[in-house]
Every structure is written in C-alpha cells, then in structure tokens.
C-alpha cells in the first residue's frame, strides 16, 4: 500500500499518528539506506525505568521511500513495507 492509502485510512478512522524517522535500519541490496519517515500509532504505555518519564508503545508502520533523498521525507508514494511494535522511551535524563 502507498503512504497516501495508509494515512487516508488512519485519518478516516480518526486514528492519530506521528511520524518518526528510521524505526529500523532499512537497507537496499545496493547498500543505500532508505530514510522515509515511519508512522507511529500509540497503543499504550509500559512501566518506566527510573531515569525516564514515559515508555510509550506504538504500532510502527514502516515505509520505503519512493525517492532517494539526503534527508528524511514522507512522500505520498512511499510504500508500506512492515508493521511492527515499537517502544520509545521519552523524558529520559
């Protein structure tokens, strides 16, 4: 699916999401890393270590960029490649 289709569905369902670069390292066989933004949908929180204030849990929708750029982008034609669970610690010392 394209990013346009995925984000259209999320918007129609009123599911808030945020974008973050590079949830996992994605590399093509040519050795070029893809740097498309991934979409994150928060599904909960877990206990936090004492050095952080939040341990958020997300569904990560990982995309391969349709164009090779030097900086991360979110293009409508990016292709959904993977769906994973992603933990992100926030507010850490």
PDB file of N, CA and C in Angstrom:
ATOM      1  N   UNK A   1       0.835  -1.181   0.000  1.00  0.00           N
ATOM      2  CA  UNK A   1       0.000   0.000   0.000  1.00  0.00           C
ATOM      3  C   UNK A   1       0.882   1.246   0.000  1.00  0.00           C
ATOM      4  N   UNK A   2       0.356   2.304  -0.521  1.00  0.00           N
ATOM      5  CA  UNK A   2       1.101   3.566  -0.511  1.00  0.00           C
ATOM      6  C   UNK A   2       0.830   4.323   0.791  1.00  0.00           C
ATOM      7  N   UNK A   3       1.712   5.254   1.113  1.00  0.00           N
ATOM      8  CA  UNK A   3       1.525   6.102   2.284  1.00  0.00           C
ATOM      9  C   UNK A   3       0.190   6.849   2.187  1.00  0.00           C
ATOM     10  N   UNK A   4      -0.139   7.311   0.994  1.00  0.00           N
ATOM     11  CA  UNK A   4      -1.402   8.032   0.793  1.00  0.00           C
ATOM     12  C   UNK A   4      -2.590   7.162   1.227  1.00  0.00           C
ATOM     13  N   UNK A   5      -2.593   5.883   0.834  1.00  0.00           N
ATOM     14  CA  UNK A   5      -3.681   4.979   1.196  1.00  0.00           C
ATOM     15  C   UNK A   5      -3.706   4.713   2.706  1.00  0.00           C
ATOM     16  N   UNK A   6      -2.543   4.445   3.276  1.00  0.00           N
ATOM     17  CA  UNK A   6      -2.446   4.143   4.706  1.00  0.00           C
ATOM     18  C   UNK A   6      -2.906   5.341   5.533  1.00  0.00           C
ATOM     19  N   UNK A   7      -2.350   6.515   5.256  1.00  0.00           N
ATOM     20  CA  UNK A   7      -2.692   7.696   6.049  1.00  0.00           C
ATOM     21  C   UNK A   7      -4.136   8.148   5.790  1.00  0.00           C
ATOM     22  N   UNK A   8      -4.649   7.901   4.597  1.00  0.00           N
ATOM     23  CA  UNK A   8      -6.054   8.180   4.320  1.00  0.00           C
ATOM     24  C   UNK A   8      -6.957   7.322   5.198  1.00  0.00           C
ATOM     25  N   UNK A   9      -6.607   6.046   5.335  1.00  0.00           N
ATOM     26  CA  UNK A   9      -7.374   5.142   6.191  1.00  0.00           C
ATOM     27  C   UNK A   9      -7.297   5.585   7.650  1.00  0.00           C
ATOM     28  N   UNK A  10      -6.082   5.895   8.130  1.00  0.00           N
ATOM     29  CA  UNK A  10      -5.925   6.329   9.518  1.00  0.00           C
ATOM     30  C   UNK A  10      -6.748   7.588   9.797  1.00  0.00           C
ATOM     31  N   UNK A  11      -6.713   8.524   8.877  1.00  0.00           N
ATOM     32  CA  UNK A  11      -7.484   9.766   9.041  1.00  0.00           C
ATOM     33  C   UNK A  11      -8.982   9.493   9.036  1.00  0.00           C
ATOM     34  N   UNK A  12      -9.443   8.619   8.143  1.00  0.00           N
ATOM     35  CA  UNK A  12     -10.869   8.293   8.072  1.00  0.00           C
ATOM     36  C   UNK A  12     -11.351   7.628   9.364  1.00  0.00           C
ATOM     37  N   UNK A  13     -10.470   6.872  10.014  1.00  0.00           N
ATOM     38  CA  UNK A  13     -10.808   6.199  11.271  1.00  0.00           C
ATOM     39  C   UNK A  13     -10.550   7.087  12.488  1.00  0.00           C
ATOM     40  N   UNK A  14     -10.080   8.318  12.235  1.00  0.00           N
ATOM     41  CA  UNK A  14      -9.749   9.274  13.298  1.00  0.00           C
ATOM     42  C   UNK A  14      -8.704   8.724  14.263  1.00  0.00           C
ATOM     43  N   UNK A  15      -7.708   8.013  13.704  1.00  0.00           N
ATOM     44  CA  UNK A  15      -6.600   7.472  14.489  1.00  0.00           C
ATOM     45  C   UNK A  15      -5.421   8.434  14.405  1.00  0.00           C
ATOM     46  N   UNK A  16      -5.075   9.073  15.519  1.00  0.00           N
ATOM     47  CA  UNK A  16      -3.935   9.981  15.480  1.00  0.00           C
ATOM     48  C   UNK A  16      -2.632   9.198  15.306  1.00  0.00           C
ATOM     49  N   UNK A  17      -1.708   9.779  14.584  1.00  0.00           N
ATOM     50  CA  UNK A  17      -0.396   9.159  14.394  1.00  0.00           C
ATOM     51  C   UNK A  17       0.649  10.255  14.347  1.00  0.00           C
ATOM     52  N   UNK A  18       1.886   9.849  14.584  1.00  0.00           N
ATOM     53  CA  UNK A  18       3.006  10.770  14.453  1.00  0.00           C
ATOM     54  C   UNK A  18       4.032  10.127  13.548  1.00  0.00           C
ATOM     55  N   UNK A  19       4.951  10.933  13.076  1.00  0.00           N
ATOM     56  CA  UNK A  19       5.986  10.407  12.184  1.00  0.00           C
ATOM     57  C   UNK A  19       7.337  10.490  12.863  1.00  0.00           C
ATOM     58  N   UNK A  20       8.145   9.480  12.591  1.00  0.00           N
ATOM     59  CA  UNK A  20       9.486   9.389  13.153  1.00  0.00           C
ATOM     60  C   UNK A  20      10.372   8.728  12.114  1.00  0.00           C
ATOM     61  N   UNK A  21      11.559   9.231  11.991  1.00  0.00           N
ATOM     62  CA  UNK A  21      12.493   8.644  11.025  1.00  0.00           C
ATOM     63  C   UNK A  21      13.100   7.361  11.561  1.00  0.00           C
ATOM     64  N   UNK A  22      13.132   6.411  10.695  1.00  0.00           N
ATOM     65  CA  UNK A  22      14.034   5.276  10.836  1.00  0.00           C
ATOM     66  C   UNK A  22      13.776   4.405  12.062  1.00  0.00           C
ATOM     67  N   UNK A  23      12.560   3.888  12.192  1.00  0.00           N
ATOM     68  CA  UNK A  23      12.233   2.978  13.283  1.00  0.00           C
ATOM     69  C   UNK A  23      13.199   1.799  13.273  1.00  0.00           C
ATOM     70  N   UNK A  24      13.492   1.289  12.125  1.00  0.00           N
ATOM     71  CA  UNK A  24      14.527   0.260  11.989  1.00  0.00           C
ATOM     72  C   UNK A  24      15.419   0.672  10.826  1.00  0.00           C
ATOM     73  N   UNK A  25      16.599   0.119  10.801  1.00  0.00           N
ATOM     74  CA  UNK A  25      17.514   0.429   9.701  1.00  0.00           C
ATOM     75  C   UNK A  25      17.061  -0.364   8.490  1.00  0.00           C
ATOM     76  N   UNK A  26      16.769   0.348   7.421  1.00  0.00           N
ATOM     77  CA  UNK A  26      16.324  -0.293   6.181  1.00  0.00           C
ATOM     78  C   UNK A  26      17.409  -0.080   5.136  1.00  0.00           C
ATOM     79  N   UNK A  27      17.819  -1.137   4.513  1.00  0.00           N
ATOM     80  CA  UNK A  27      18.885  -1.041   3.534  1.00  0.00           C
ATOM     81  C   UNK A  27      18.529  -1.835   2.295  1.00  0.00           C
ATOM     82  N   UNK A  28      18.740  -1.223   1.146  1.00  0.00           N
ATOM     83  CA  UNK A  28      18.519  -1.902  -0.120  1.00  0.00           C
ATOM     84  C   UNK A  28      19.742  -2.747  -0.456  1.00  0.00           C
ATOM     85  N   UNK A  29      19.593  -3.657  -1.375  1.00  0.00           N
ATOM     86  CA  UNK A  29      20.702  -4.524  -1.765  1.00  0.00           C
ATOM     87  C   UNK A  29      21.882  -3.719  -2.302  1.00  0.00           C
ATOM     88  N   UNK A  30      21.629  -2.498  -2.761  1.00  0.00           N
ATOM     89  CA  UNK A  30      22.719  -1.657  -3.265  1.00  0.00           C
ATOM     90  C   UNK A  30      23.523  -1.038  -2.131  1.00  0.00           C
ATOM     91  N   UNK A  31      23.075  -1.241  -0.863  1.00  0.00           N
ATOM     92  CA  UNK A  31      23.778  -0.671   0.275  1.00  0.00           C
ATOM     93  C   UNK A  31      23.292   0.726   0.635  1.00  0.00           C
ATOM     94  N   UNK A  32      22.278   1.220  -0.066  1.00  0.00           N
ATOM     95  CA  UNK A  32      21.742   2.556   0.200  1.00  0.00           C
ATOM     96  C   UNK A  32      20.655   2.439   1.263  1.00  0.00           C
ATOM     97  N   UNK A  33      20.772   3.241   2.317  1.00  0.00           N
ATOM     98  CA  UNK A  33      19.756   3.244   3.365  1.00  0.00           C
ATOM     99  C   UNK A  33      18.564   4.065   2.926  1.00  0.00           C
ATOM    100  N   UNK A  34      17.388   3.596   3.268  1.00  0.00           N
ATOM    101  CA  UNK A  34      16.167   4.339   2.992  1.00  0.00           C
ATOM    102  C   UNK A  34      15.892   5.243   4.184  1.00  0.00           C
ATOM    103  N   UNK A  35      15.446   6.448   3.923  1.00  0.00           N
ATOM    104  CA  UNK A  35      15.235   7.380   5.023  1.00  0.00           C
ATOM    105  C   UNK A  35      13.847   8.000   4.995  1.00  0.00           C
ATOM    106  N   UNK A  36      12.858   7.219   4.667  1.00  0.00           N
ATOM    107  CA  UNK A  36      11.480   7.701   4.696  1.00  0.00           C
ATOM    108  C   UNK A  36      10.990   7.689   6.143  1.00  0.00           C
ATOM    109  N   UNK A  37      10.145   8.651   6.473  1.00  0.00           N
ATOM    110  CA  UNK A  37       9.536   8.661   7.800  1.00  0.00           C
ATOM    111  C   UNK A  37       8.606   7.471   7.955  1.00  0.00           C
ATOM    112  N   UNK A  38       8.509   6.966   9.175  1.00  0.00           N
ATOM    113  CA  UNK A  38       7.584   5.906   9.521  1.00  0.00           C
ATOM    114  C   UNK A  38       6.437   6.529  10.312  1.00  0.00           C
ATOM    115  N   UNK A  39       5.263   5.907  10.271  1.00  0.00           N
ATOM    116  CA  UNK A  39       4.110   6.385  11.025  1.00  0.00           C
ATOM    117  C   UNK A  39       3.979   5.570  12.306  1.00  0.00           C
ATOM    118  N   UNK A  40       3.719   6.253  13.417  1.00  0.00           N
ATOM    119  CA  UNK A  40       3.554   5.599  14.707  1.00  0.00           C
ATOM    120  C   UNK A  40       2.161   5.873  15.254  1.00  0.00           C
ATOM    121  N   UNK A  41       1.486   4.810  15.687  1.00  0.00           N
ATOM    122  CA  UNK A  41       0.167   4.911  16.298  1.00  0.00           C
ATOM    123  C   UNK A  41       0.312   4.427  17.742  1.00  0.00           C
ATOM    124  N   UNK A  42       0.098   5.314  18.697  1.00  0.00           N
ATOM    125  CA  UNK A  42       0.274   4.957  20.106  1.00  0.00           C
ATOM    126  C   UNK A  42      -0.837   4.011  20.540  1.00  0.00           C
ATOM    127  N   UNK A  43      -0.424   2.887  21.173  1.00  0.00           N
ATOM    128  CA  UNK A  43      -1.402   1.907  21.648  1.00  0.00           C
ATOM    129  C   UNK A  43      -1.335   1.715  23.159  1.00  0.00           C
ATOM    130  N   UNK A  44      -0.354   2.307  23.836  1.00  0.00           N
ATOM    131  CA  UNK A  44      -0.281   2.152  25.288  1.00  0.00           C
ATOM    132  C   UNK A  44       1.021   2.634  25.865  1.00  0.00           C
ATOM    133  N   UNK A  45       1.170   2.368  27.165  1.00  0.00           N
ATOM    134  CA  UNK A  45       2.388   2.690  27.889  1.00  0.00           C
ATOM    135  C   UNK A  45       2.752   1.518  28.774  1.00  0.00           C
ATOM    136  N   UNK A  46       4.053   1.397  29.059  1.00  0.00           N
ATOM    137  CA  UNK A  46       4.532   0.371  29.964  1.00  0.00           C
ATOM    138  C   UNK A  46       5.262   1.045  31.119  1.00  0.00           C
ATOM    139  N   UNK A  47       5.629   0.240  32.114  1.00  0.00           N
ATOM    140  CA  UNK A  47       6.379   0.776  33.242  1.00  0.00           C
ATOM    141  C   UNK A  47       7.661   1.421  32.743  1.00  0.00           C
ATOM    142  N   UNK A  48       8.053   2.480  33.436  1.00  0.00           N
ATOM    143  CA  UNK A  48       9.232   3.232  33.001  1.00  0.00           C
ATOM    144  C   UNK A  48      10.418   2.969  33.922  1.00  0.00           C
ATOM    145  N   UNK A  49      11.630   2.993  33.357  1.00  0.00           N
ATOM    146  CA  UNK A  49      12.809   2.947  34.220  1.00  0.00           C
ATOM    147  C   UNK A  49      12.902   4.271  34.984  1.00  0.00           C
ATOM    148  N   UNK A  50      13.592   4.284  36.086  1.00  0.00           N
ATOM    149  CA  UNK A  50      13.627   5.476  36.933  1.00  0.00           C
ATOM    150  C   UNK A  50      14.237   6.690  36.242  1.00  0.00           C
ATOM    151  N   UNK A  51      14.967   6.513  35.170  1.00  0.00           N
ATOM    152  CA  UNK A  51      15.622   7.648  34.501  1.00  0.00           C
ATOM    153  C   UNK A  51      14.756   8.276  33.412  1.00  0.00           C
ATOM    154  N   UNK A  52      13.573   7.723  33.160  1.00  0.00           N
ATOM    155  CA  UNK A  52      12.689   8.243  32.101  1.00  0.00           C
ATOM    156  C   UNK A  52      11.287   8.490  32.658  1.00  0.00           C
ATOM    157  N   UNK A  53      10.544   9.370  31.990  1.00  0.00           N
ATOM    158  CA  UNK A  53       9.184   9.661  32.449  1.00  0.00           C
ATOM    159  C   UNK A  53       8.112   8.905  31.661  1.00  0.00           C
ATOM    160  N   UNK A  54       8.453   8.384  30.483  1.00  0.00           N
ATOM    161  CA  UNK A  54       7.468   7.660  29.671  1.00  0.00           C
ATOM    162  C   UNK A  54       8.111   6.493  28.937  1.00  0.00           C
ATOM    163  N   UNK A  55       7.335   5.426  28.785  1.00  0.00           N
ATOM    164  CA  UNK A  55       7.721   4.285  27.956  1.00  0.00           C
ATOM    165  C   UNK A  55       6.515   3.972  27.081  1.00  0.00           C
ATOM    166  N   UNK A  56       6.428   4.657  25.952  1.00  0.00           N
ATOM    167  CA  UNK A  56       5.278   4.548  25.061  1.00  0.00           C
ATOM    168  C   UNK A  56       5.418   3.355  24.131  1.00  0.00           C
ATOM    169  N   UNK A  57       4.281   2.734  23.822  1.00  0.00           N
ATOM    170  CA  UNK A  57       4.237   1.586  22.918  1.00  0.00           C
ATOM    171  C   UNK A  57       3.425   1.995  21.696  1.00  0.00           C
ATOM    172  N   UNK A  58       3.982   1.720  20.522  1.00  0.00           N
ATOM    173  CA  UNK A  58       3.366   2.120  19.262  1.00  0.00           C
ATOM    174  C   UNK A  58       3.253   0.946  18.310  1.00  0.00           C
ATOM    175  N   UNK A  59       2.306   1.029  17.399  1.00  0.00           N
ATOM    176  CA  UNK A  59       2.326   0.235  16.174  1.00  0.00           C
ATOM    177  C   UNK A  59       3.141   1.082  15.201  1.00  0.00           C
ATOM    178  N   UNK A  60       4.195   0.527  14.656  1.00  0.00           N
ATOM    179  CA  UNK A  60       5.036   1.256  13.702  1.00  0.00           C
ATOM    180  C   UNK A  60       4.728   0.765  12.292  1.00  0.00           C
ATOM    181  N   UNK A  61       4.348   1.697  11.440  1.00  0.00           N
ATOM    182  CA  UNK A  61       4.119   1.409  10.029  1.00  0.00           C
ATOM    183  C   UNK A  61       5.357   1.904   9.297  1.00  0.00           C
ATOM    184  N   UNK A  62       6.180   0.965   8.851  1.00  0.00           N
ATOM    185  CA  UNK A  62       7.463   1.310   8.255  1.00  0.00           C
ATOM    186  C   UNK A  62       7.345   1.404   6.738  1.00  0.00           C
ATOM    187  N   UNK A  63       7.929   2.446   6.189  1.00  0.00           N
ATOM    188  CA  UNK A  63       7.829   2.726   4.761  1.00  0.00           C
ATOM    189  C   UNK A  63       9.201   2.746   4.098  1.00  0.00           C
ATOM    190  N   UNK A  64       9.228   2.334   2.839  1.00  0.00           N
ATOM    191  CA  UNK A  64      10.375   2.553   1.962  1.00  0.00           C
ATOM    192  C   UNK A  64      10.043   3.764   1.114  1.00  0.00           C
ATOM    193  N   UNK A  65      10.992   4.668   1.025  1.00  0.00           N
ATOM    194  CA  UNK A  65      10.778   5.868   0.234  1.00  0.00           C
ATOM    195  C   UNK A  65      10.754   5.576  -1.252  1.00  0.00           C
ATOM    196  N   UNK A  66       9.939   6.332  -1.944  1.00  0.00           N
ATOM    197  CA  UNK A  66       9.844   6.174  -3.395  1.00  0.00           C
ATOM    198  C   UNK A  66      10.956   6.942  -4.092  1.00  0.00           C
ATOM    199  N   UNK A  67      11.571   7.876  -3.379  1.00  0.00           N
ATOM    200  CA  UNK A  67      12.659   8.668  -3.933  1.00  0.00           C
ATOM    201  C   UNK A  67      13.822   8.634  -2.958  1.00  0.00           C
ATOM    202  N   UNK A  68      15.023   8.693  -3.465  1.00  0.00           N
ATOM    203  CA  UNK A  68      16.211   8.718  -2.614  1.00  0.00           C
ATOM    204  C   UNK A  68      16.557  10.163  -2.309  1.00  0.00           C
ATOM    205  N   UNK A  69      16.481  10.518  -1.057  1.00  0.00           N
ATOM    206  CA  UNK A  69      16.764  11.876  -0.612  1.00  0.00           C
ATOM    207  C   UNK A  69      17.828  11.839   0.475  1.00  0.00           C
ATOM    208  N   UNK A  70      18.506  12.951   0.651  1.00  0.00           N
ATOM    209  CA  UNK A  70      19.526  13.009   1.682  1.00  0.00           C
ATOM    210  C   UNK A  70      18.930  13.238   3.066  1.00  0.00           C
ATOM    211  N   UNK A  71      17.720  13.767   3.138  1.00  0.00           N
ATOM    212  CA  UNK A  71      17.067  13.972   4.427  1.00  0.00           C
ATOM    213  C   UNK A  71      15.743  13.222   4.438  1.00  0.00           C
ATOM    214  N   UNK A  72      15.287  12.810   5.624  1.00  0.00           N
ATOM    215  CA  UNK A  72      14.039  12.044   5.706  1.00  0.00           C
ATOM    216  C   UNK A  72      12.848  12.827   5.163  1.00  0.00           C
ATOM    217  N   UNK A  73      11.950  12.104   4.518  1.00  0.00           N
ATOM    218  CA  UNK A  73      10.738  12.696   3.963  1.00  0.00           C
ATOM    219  C   UNK A  73       9.584  11.726   4.110  1.00  0.00           C
ATOM    220  N   UNK A  74       8.393  12.250   3.941  1.00  0.00           N
ATOM    221  CA  UNK A  74       7.189  11.430   3.882  1.00  0.00           C
ATOM    222  C   UNK A  74       6.466  11.798   2.596  1.00  0.00           C
ATOM    223  N   UNK A  75       6.644  10.963   1.587  1.00  0.00           N
ATOM    224  CA  UNK A  75       6.039  11.201   0.279  1.00  0.00           C
ATOM    225  C   UNK A  75       4.794  10.333   0.122  1.00  0.00           C
ATOM    226  N   UNK A  76       3.728  10.839  -0.509  1.00  0.00           N
ATOM    227  CA  UNK A  76       2.504  10.047  -0.693  1.00  0.00           C
ATOM    228  C   UNK A  76       2.737   8.715  -1.398  1.00  0.00           C
ATOM    229  N   UNK A  77       3.765   8.634  -2.222  1.00  0.00           N
ATOM    230  CA  UNK A  77       4.018   7.408  -2.981  1.00  0.00           C
ATOM    231  C   UNK A  77       4.927   6.416  -2.251  1.00  0.00           C
ATOM    232  N   UNK A  78       5.387   6.724  -1.023  1.00  0.00           N
ATOM    233  CA  UNK A  78       6.176   5.759  -0.255  1.00  0.00           C
ATOM    234  C   UNK A  78       5.366   4.475  -0.101  1.00  0.00           C
ATOM    235  N   UNK A  79       6.061   3.349   0.042  1.00  0.00           N
ATOM    236  CA  UNK A  79       5.416   2.046   0.102  1.00  0.00           C
ATOM    237  C   UNK A  79       5.527   1.439   1.498  1.00  0.00           C
ATOM    238  N   UNK A  80       4.396   0.972   2.032  1.00  0.00           N
ATOM    239  CA  UNK A  80       4.383   0.296   3.326  1.00  0.00           C
ATOM    240  C   UNK A  80       5.126  -1.029   3.194  1.00  0.00           C
ATOM    241  N   UNK A  81       6.127  -1.246   4.058  1.00  0.00           N
ATOM    242  CA  UNK A  81       6.924  -2.469   3.973  1.00  0.00           C
ATOM    243  C   UNK A  81       6.807  -3.359   5.196  1.00  0.00           C
ATOM    244  N   UNK A  82       6.485  -2.797   6.355  1.00  0.00           N
ATOM    245  CA  UNK A  82       6.460  -3.622   7.557  1.00  0.00           C
ATOM    246  C   UNK A  82       5.586  -2.967   8.611  1.00  0.00           C
ATOM    247  N   UNK A  83       5.020  -3.797   9.469  1.00  0.00           N
ATOM    248  CA  UNK A  83       4.240  -3.334  10.612  1.00  0.00           C
ATOM    249  C   UNK A  83       4.828  -4.033  11.838  1.00  0.00           C
ATOM    250  N   UNK A  84       5.270  -3.239  12.819  1.00  0.00           N
ATOM    251  CA  UNK A  84       5.917  -3.803  13.999  1.00  0.00           C
ATOM    252  C   UNK A  84       5.419  -3.097  15.261  1.00  0.00           C
ATOM    253  N   UNK A  85       5.787  -3.654  16.413  1.00  0.00           N
ATOM    254  CA  UNK A  85       5.582  -2.997  17.700  1.00  0.00           C
ATOM    255  C   UNK A  85       6.864  -2.231  18.005  1.00  0.00           C
ATOM    256  N   UNK A  86       6.723  -0.983  18.461  1.00  0.00           N
ATOM    257  CA  UNK A  86       7.876  -0.119  18.693  1.00  0.00           C
ATOM    258  C   UNK A  86       7.740   0.518  20.070  1.00  0.00           C
ATOM    259  N   UNK A  87       8.780   0.407  20.894  1.00  0.00           N
ATOM    260  CA  UNK A  87       8.819   1.024  22.226  1.00  0.00           C
ATOM    261  C   UNK A  87       9.699   2.263  22.155  1.00  0.00           C
ATOM    262  N   UNK A  88       9.243   3.351  22.756  1.00  0.00           N
ATOM    263  CA  UNK A  88      10.045   4.586  22.737  1.00  0.00           C
ATOM    264  C   UNK A  88      10.052   5.203  24.128  1.00  0.00           C
ATOM    265  N   UNK A  89      11.249   5.296  24.705  1.00  0.00           N
ATOM    266  CA  UNK A  89      11.422   5.950  25.997  1.00  0.00           C
ATOM    267  C   UNK A  89      11.490   7.456  25.763  1.00  0.00           C
ATOM    268  N   UNK A  90      10.761   8.224  26.564  1.00  0.00           N
ATOM    269  CA  UNK A  90      10.766   9.676  26.472  1.00  0.00           C
ATOM    270  C   UNK A  90      11.022  10.281  27.841  1.00  0.00           C
ATOM    271  N   UNK A  91      11.491  11.510  27.831  1.00  0.00           N
ATOM    272  CA  UNK A  91      11.739  12.232  29.075  1.00  0.00           C
ATOM    273  C   UNK A  91      12.842  11.623  29.908  1.00  0.00           C
ATOM    274  N   UNK A  92      13.864  11.115  29.251  1.00  0.00           N
ATOM    275  CA  UNK A  92      14.967  10.473  29.970  1.00  0.00           C
ATOM    276  C   UNK A  92      16.053  11.485  30.351  1.00  0.00           C
ATOM    277  N   UNK A  93      16.709  11.216  31.484  1.00  0.00           N
ATOM    278  CA  UNK A  93      17.798  12.086  31.931  1.00  0.00           C
ATOM    279  C   UNK A  93      18.989  12.015  31.007  1.00  0.00           C
TER     280      UNK A  93
END
